[in-house]
Amino acid sequence: MMHEVRSIPPAPRRVRLRPLLAHRWPLFAIGGSLTCCGLLIAWLMFLQASSRGRLDDTTPRQFVGRLTQVTAPRPFAGARWQEVGYDFEYVEAADPERPSHVPQRVTCSGLCFVPAGDHAVGDEVAIEVSSQDPNTHRVVGGLLLVERDWQRARFWLVVMVVPGGLLLLGWLASAMQLRQVLVHGDVSVGHVTKVVRVPLVMPEMFSVRFEFIDHRAIRRSSRHWVRSHGALGARLAQAGAGGRPEALPVLHDRRFPQRCRLLLPTDYLPSPVRDVLPTDGAP
């Protein structure tokens, strides 16, 4: 045990990246998933909003149509609307460049939203059609589409991206705290008091409790998770199976001793070898 404590490199130490990335990895996994999925859905909502047909002509063409279906009123965007279906006969506009062309008559149908009122199937309604896109039409005074909240990009940014970003910031802050402990922490001897396998977690993890004496000679107790498939996890598994306390190195922050970590000397990168030039003129 004392050999392992003496084998911990002096501060500042070169820590491996893997322990930092694995620290509180559920925060990273959940936060990253929420952020990525939220950004993707928000981008899709933005694309569908920008590609949606709009009837903003100053002089749309008008035709007479009949309602074929009327739904019950529903509240949308602070008002009550009804979705109605309609049919009308569309006649192509005359083309002055082709006098011999005979305008075609086509029966068209569509759906739109109108303010709630006394609408019934078979009622005659005025239909306005875009002069630039004959496939874009609506009942006069109606809307092509009433957006729900979930159809807006900002809804997904607030519901998924913001919480995901906060979780990622929390994970990053905890990883930086762990790095501070591993790089600059004081070394002490920890005694493992309890090792329990964490259920329903992949990869397999141990919840380990331990005690140590900090630099102020105060006995501290703490706990954290350790991956079972690793050198430290193997030592803890042997300690749990044998029912005997295991002594392991502990690093703790000098200012906040409750920030501490069990580890092994193999968790550190080897210190770089520096060439020292002789100062006495010897070759």
Protein backbone atom coordinates (compact mmCIF):
# COMPACT_ATOMS: atom_id res chain seq x y z
CA MET A 1 0.00 0.00 0.00
CA MET A 2 2.74 2.49 0.90
CA HIS A 3 4.42 1.68 -2.38
CA GLU A 4 1.25 2.73 -4.23
CA VAL A 5 1.03 5.97 -2.26
CA ARG A 6 4.68 6.79 -3.03
CA SER A 7 4.09 5.92 -6.69
CA ILE A 8 1.55 8.74 -7.10
CA PRO A 9 3.40 11.44 -9.11
CA PRO A 10 3.98 14.80 -7.46
CA ALA A 11 1.72 17.70 -8.39
CA PRO A 12 1.07 18.95 -10.98
CA ARG A 13 0.29 15.53 -12.45
CA ARG A 14 -0.53 14.44 -15.99
CA VAL A 15 -3.96 12.86 -15.75
CA ARG A 16 -5.45 10.53 -18.35
CA LEU A 17 -8.45 11.80 -20.28
CA ARG A 18 -10.59 8.69 -19.82
CA PRO A 19 -11.32 9.18 -16.07
CA LEU A 20 -12.46 12.74 -16.75
CA LEU A 21 -14.82 11.70 -19.55
CA ALA A 22 -16.22 8.83 -17.49
CA HIS A 23 -16.90 11.04 -14.45
CA ARG A 24 -20.66 11.35 -13.99
CA TRP A 25 -21.16 10.08 -17.52
CA PRO A 26 -25.00 9.87 -17.19
CA LEU A 27 -25.09 13.69 -17.13
CA PHE A 28 -23.00 13.80 -20.30
CA ALA A 29 -25.10 11.11 -22.03
CA ILE A 30 -28.48 12.64 -21.14
CA GLY A 31 -27.38 16.22 -21.75
CA GLY A 32 -25.73 15.38 -25.07
CA SER A 33 -28.76 13.41 -26.26
CA LEU A 34 -31.20 16.17 -25.32
CA THR A 35 -29.07 18.86 -26.95
CA CYS A 36 -28.45 16.97 -30.20
CA CYS A 37 -32.05 15.76 -30.59
CA GLY A 38 -33.45 19.17 -29.67
CA LEU A 39 -31.24 20.96 -32.21
CA LEU A 40 -32.18 18.44 -34.91
CA ILE A 41 -35.93 18.75 -34.27
CA ALA A 42 -35.70 22.55 -34.05
CA TRP A 43 -33.87 22.61 -37.39
CA LEU A 44 -36.57 20.42 -38.95
CA MET A 45 -39.30 22.70 -37.58
CA PHE A 46 -37.45 25.70 -39.00
CA LEU A 47 -37.21 24.05 -42.42
CA GLN A 48 -40.87 23.08 -42.52
CA ALA A 49 -41.88 26.60 -41.48
CA SER A 50 -39.72 28.20 -44.19
CA SER A 51 -41.01 25.83 -46.90
CA ARG A 52 -44.68 26.14 -45.96
CA GLY A 53 -46.93 27.61 -48.61
CA ARG A 54 -48.05 31.20 -48.00
CA LEU A 55 -50.78 33.17 -49.63
CA ASP A 56 -49.48 36.72 -49.44
CA ASP A 57 -50.43 37.95 -52.90
CA THR A 58 -51.86 41.45 -53.07
CA THR A 59 -54.32 40.41 -55.82
CA PRO A 60 -55.25 36.72 -55.41
CA ARG A 61 -57.82 35.21 -57.76
CA GLN A 62 -61.19 34.29 -56.25
CA PHE A 63 -63.56 31.41 -56.99
CA VAL A 64 -66.75 30.06 -55.48
CA GLY A 65 -66.52 26.78 -53.58
CA ARG A 66 -68.55 24.60 -51.22
CA LEU A 67 -67.68 23.24 -47.81
CA THR A 68 -67.31 19.45 -47.72
CA GLN A 69 -66.39 19.01 -44.07
CA VAL A 70 -66.46 21.07 -40.89
CA THR A 71 -64.75 20.10 -37.63
CA ALA A 72 -65.68 21.19 -34.11
CA PRO A 73 -64.20 24.49 -32.88
CA ARG A 74 -60.85 24.21 -31.11
CA PRO A 75 -58.72 26.83 -29.36
CA PHE A 76 -55.48 27.75 -31.14
CA ALA A 77 -53.21 30.75 -30.53
CA GLY A 78 -55.68 32.47 -28.21
CA ALA A 79 -58.71 32.14 -30.54
CA ARG A 80 -61.21 29.48 -31.61
CA TRP A 81 -60.84 27.98 -35.07
CA GLN A 82 -62.54 25.37 -37.19
CA GLU A 83 -60.83 23.25 -39.81
CA VAL A 84 -62.93 23.07 -42.97
CA GLY A 85 -62.60 21.17 -46.21
CA TYR A 86 -63.83 22.58 -49.49
CA ASP A 87 -64.08 21.94 -53.23
CA PHE A 88 -64.03 24.52 -55.99
CA GLU A 89 -63.58 24.68 -59.73
CA TYR A 90 -60.34 26.34 -60.73
CA VAL A 91 -60.07 27.99 -64.16
CA GLU A 92 -56.66 28.82 -65.56
CA ALA A 93 -55.97 32.47 -66.26
CA ALA A 94 -55.92 33.52 -69.91
CA ASP A 95 -52.46 33.74 -71.45
CA PRO A 96 -52.18 36.82 -73.70
CA GLU A 97 -49.12 35.33 -75.37
CA ARG A 98 -51.14 32.29 -76.49
CA PRO A 99 -54.51 33.51 -77.82
CA SER A 100 -55.43 30.04 -79.08
CA HIS A 101 -54.90 28.43 -75.69
CA VAL A 102 -58.13 27.23 -74.07
CA PRO A 103 -58.03 27.69 -70.24
CA GLN A 104 -58.45 24.40 -68.39
CA ARG A 105 -61.09 23.88 -65.72
CA VAL A 106 -59.96 21.71 -62.81
CA THR A 107 -61.85 20.68 -59.69
CA CYS A 108 -59.65 21.31 -56.65
CA SER A 109 -60.07 20.59 -52.96
CA GLY A 110 -58.28 21.82 -49.87
CA LEU A 111 -58.26 22.35 -46.12
CA CYS A 112 -57.82 25.51 -44.09
CA PHE A 113 -58.72 27.05 -40.76
CA VAL A 114 -61.52 29.61 -40.39
CA PRO A 115 -62.75 31.51 -37.31
CA ALA A 116 -65.35 29.50 -35.43
CA GLY A 117 -68.90 30.32 -36.53
CA ASP A 118 -72.04 28.94 -38.17
CA HIS A 119 -70.32 26.84 -40.82
CA ALA A 120 -72.09 23.82 -42.27
CA VAL A 121 -71.38 21.30 -45.00
CA GLY A 122 -72.70 22.56 -48.34
CA ASP A 123 -72.31 26.27 -47.58
CA GLU A 124 -70.95 28.38 -50.40
CA VAL A 125 -67.68 30.14 -49.60
CA ALA A 126 -65.30 32.41 -51.44
CA ILE A 127 -61.96 30.80 -52.22
CA GLU A 128 -58.86 32.84 -52.92
CA VAL A 129 -56.03 31.29 -54.94
CA SER A 130 -52.47 32.52 -55.20
CA SER A 131 -51.76 34.00 -58.63
CA GLN A 132 -48.20 32.63 -58.43
CA ASP A 133 -48.97 29.12 -57.12
CA PRO A 134 -52.40 27.67 -57.98
CA ASN A 135 -51.85 24.93 -55.42
CA THR A 136 -51.96 27.49 -52.60
CA HIS A 137 -55.54 28.48 -51.70
CA ARG A 138 -57.82 29.05 -48.73
CA VAL A 139 -61.24 30.30 -47.72
CA VAL A 140 -61.33 34.10 -47.69
CA GLY A 141 -60.59 35.23 -44.14
CA GLY A 142 -59.09 31.87 -43.17
CA LEU A 143 -55.59 30.62 -42.51
CA LEU A 144 -53.62 27.99 -44.36
CA LEU A 145 -52.25 26.65 -41.07
CA VAL A 146 -52.55 27.39 -37.37
CA GLU A 147 -49.24 26.54 -35.76
CA ARG A 148 -49.21 24.54 -32.55
CA ASP A 149 -46.53 25.32 -30.00
CA TRP A 150 -44.63 22.11 -30.77
CA GLN A 151 -44.42 23.12 -34.44
CA ARG A 152 -42.17 26.07 -33.61
CA ALA A 153 -38.40 25.75 -33.42
CA ARG A 154 -38.17 27.78 -30.22
CA PHE A 155 -40.40 25.25 -28.41
CA TRP A 156 -37.80 22.50 -28.88
CA LEU A 157 -34.96 24.87 -28.02
CA VAL A 158 -36.61 25.64 -24.68
CA VAL A 159 -37.84 22.12 -23.91
CA MET A 160 -34.79 20.08 -24.94
CA VAL A 161 -31.75 22.18 -25.87
CA VAL A 162 -31.71 24.44 -22.79
CA PRO A 163 -32.04 21.58 -20.24
CA GLY A 164 -29.51 19.53 -22.20
CA GLY A 165 -27.07 22.42 -22.24
CA LEU A 166 -27.45 22.89 -18.47
CA LEU A 167 -26.73 19.20 -17.89
CA LEU A 168 -23.64 19.44 -20.09
CA LEU A 169 -22.45 22.49 -18.17
CA GLY A 170 -22.99 20.61 -14.90
CA TRP A 171 -21.00 17.65 -16.22
CA LEU A 172 -18.21 19.94 -17.45
CA ALA A 173 -18.02 21.69 -14.07
CA SER A 174 -17.81 18.36 -12.22
CA ALA A 175 -15.13 17.10 -14.65
CA MET A 176 -13.07 20.26 -14.05
CA GLN A 177 -13.41 19.78 -10.29
CA LEU A 178 -12.20 16.19 -10.66
CA ARG A 179 -9.28 17.37 -12.78
CA GLN A 180 -8.33 19.85 -10.05
CA VAL A 181 -8.28 17.00 -7.52
CA LEU A 182 -6.31 14.61 -9.73
CA VAL A 183 -3.74 17.18 -10.85
CA HIS A 184 -3.19 19.18 -7.65
CA GLY A 185 -4.78 17.12 -4.85
CA ASP A 186 -3.04 15.90 -1.69
CA VAL A 187 -2.37 12.19 -1.33
CA SER A 188 -3.77 10.25 1.62
CA VAL A 189 -4.51 6.65 2.57
CA GLY A 190 -8.14 5.61 2.15
CA HIS A 191 -9.82 2.61 3.77
CA VAL A 192 -12.72 1.08 1.84
CA THR A 193 -15.68 0.38 4.12
CA LYS A 194 -18.34 -0.83 1.68
CA VAL A 195 -18.55 -1.94 -1.95
CA VAL A 196 -21.96 -2.40 -3.61
CA ARG A 197 -22.71 -3.18 -7.25
CA VAL A 198 -24.96 -0.50 -8.81
CA PRO A 199 -28.03 -2.19 -10.38
CA LEU A 200 -29.42 -1.43 -13.84
CA VAL A 201 -26.37 0.55 -15.00
CA MET A 202 -24.23 -0.20 -18.03
CA PRO A 203 -21.26 -0.45 -17.99
CA GLU A 204 -21.21 -2.21 -14.62
CA MET A 205 -20.33 0.08 -11.73
CA PHE A 206 -19.45 -0.24 -8.04
CA SER A 207 -20.63 2.23 -5.42
CA VAL A 208 -17.72 2.40 -3.00
CA ARG A 209 -17.64 4.03 0.46
CA PHE A 210 -14.33 4.89 2.08
CA GLU A 211 -12.70 6.90 4.83
CA PHE A 212 -9.44 8.87 4.91
CA ILE A 213 -7.63 11.45 7.01
CA ASP A 214 -7.09 14.78 5.26
CA HIS A 215 -4.14 17.15 5.59
CA ARG A 216 -5.72 18.71 8.71
CA ALA A 217 -5.79 15.27 10.42
CA ILE A 218 -9.60 15.20 10.21
CA ARG A 219 -11.26 11.90 9.39
CA ARG A 220 -13.45 12.21 6.28
CA SER A 221 -15.91 9.80 4.70
CA SER A 222 -17.03 9.85 1.10
CA ARG A 223 -18.19 7.66 -1.77
CA HIS A 224 -18.27 7.56 -5.57
CA TRP A 225 -18.84 5.15 -8.45
CA VAL A 226 -16.05 3.05 -9.94
CA ARG A 227 -16.21 1.13 -13.22
CA SER A 228 -16.05 -2.59 -12.41
CA HIS A 229 -14.04 -3.48 -15.55
CA GLY A 230 -10.77 -1.83 -14.62
CA ALA A 231 -7.77 -2.17 -12.35
CA LEU A 232 -9.42 -0.28 -9.48
CA GLY A 233 -12.70 -2.12 -10.00
CA ALA A 234 -10.88 -5.47 -9.81
CA ARG A 235 -9.28 -4.46 -6.49
CA LEU A 236 -12.64 -3.39 -5.10
CA ALA A 237 -14.29 -6.62 -6.29
CA GLN A 238 -11.66 -8.65 -4.40
CA ALA A 239 -12.16 -6.53 -1.31
CA GLY A 240 -15.94 -6.97 -1.48
CA ALA A 241 -15.68 -10.73 -2.01
CA GLY A 242 -13.16 -11.19 0.81
CA GLY A 243 -15.08 -9.02 3.25
CA ARG A 244 -11.92 -7.27 4.36
CA PRO A 245 -11.16 -3.53 4.21
CA GLU A 246 -8.93 -2.44 1.38
CA ALA A 247 -6.40 0.38 1.71
CA LEU A 248 -6.03 2.48 -1.43
CA PRO A 249 -4.58 5.91 -2.31
CA VAL A 250 -6.97 8.84 -2.04
CA LEU A 251 -6.50 12.29 -3.55
CA HIS A 252 -8.41 15.18 -2.00
CA ASP A 253 -8.62 18.90 -2.62
CA ARG A 254 -6.76 20.95 -0.01
CA ARG A 255 -9.45 23.64 0.14
CA PHE A 256 -12.46 21.33 -0.18
CA PRO A 257 -11.49 17.90 1.21
CA GLN A 258 -14.96 16.51 0.44
CA ARG A 259 -13.83 16.51 -3.19
CA CYS A 260 -11.82 13.32 -3.25
CA ARG A 261 -11.16 10.27 -5.39
CA LEU A 262 -9.87 6.72 -4.99
CA LEU A 263 -7.30 5.82 -7.64
CA LEU A 264 -4.22 3.83 -8.54
CA PRO A 265 -0.83 5.06 -9.83
CA THR A 266 -1.67 3.55 -13.23
CA ASP A 267 -4.38 6.21 -13.68
CA TYR A 268 -1.68 8.77 -14.45
CA LEU A 269 0.38 9.33 -17.53
CA PRO A 270 4.14 8.95 -17.07
CA SER A 271 5.94 12.21 -16.42
CA PRO A 272 8.00 13.44 -19.36
CA VAL A 273 11.73 12.78 -19.07
CA ARG A 274 13.72 16.01 -19.08
CA ASP A 275 17.37 16.15 -20.05
CA VAL A 276 19.46 17.86 -17.40
CA LEU A 277 22.67 19.40 -18.70
CA PRO A 278 25.64 19.17 -16.38
CA THR A 279 26.77 22.44 -14.85
CA ASP A 280 30.29 21.43 -13.81
CA GLY A 281 31.71 21.17 -17.32
CA ALA A 282 31.72 17.36 -17.28
CA PRO A 283 31.00 15.70 -20.62
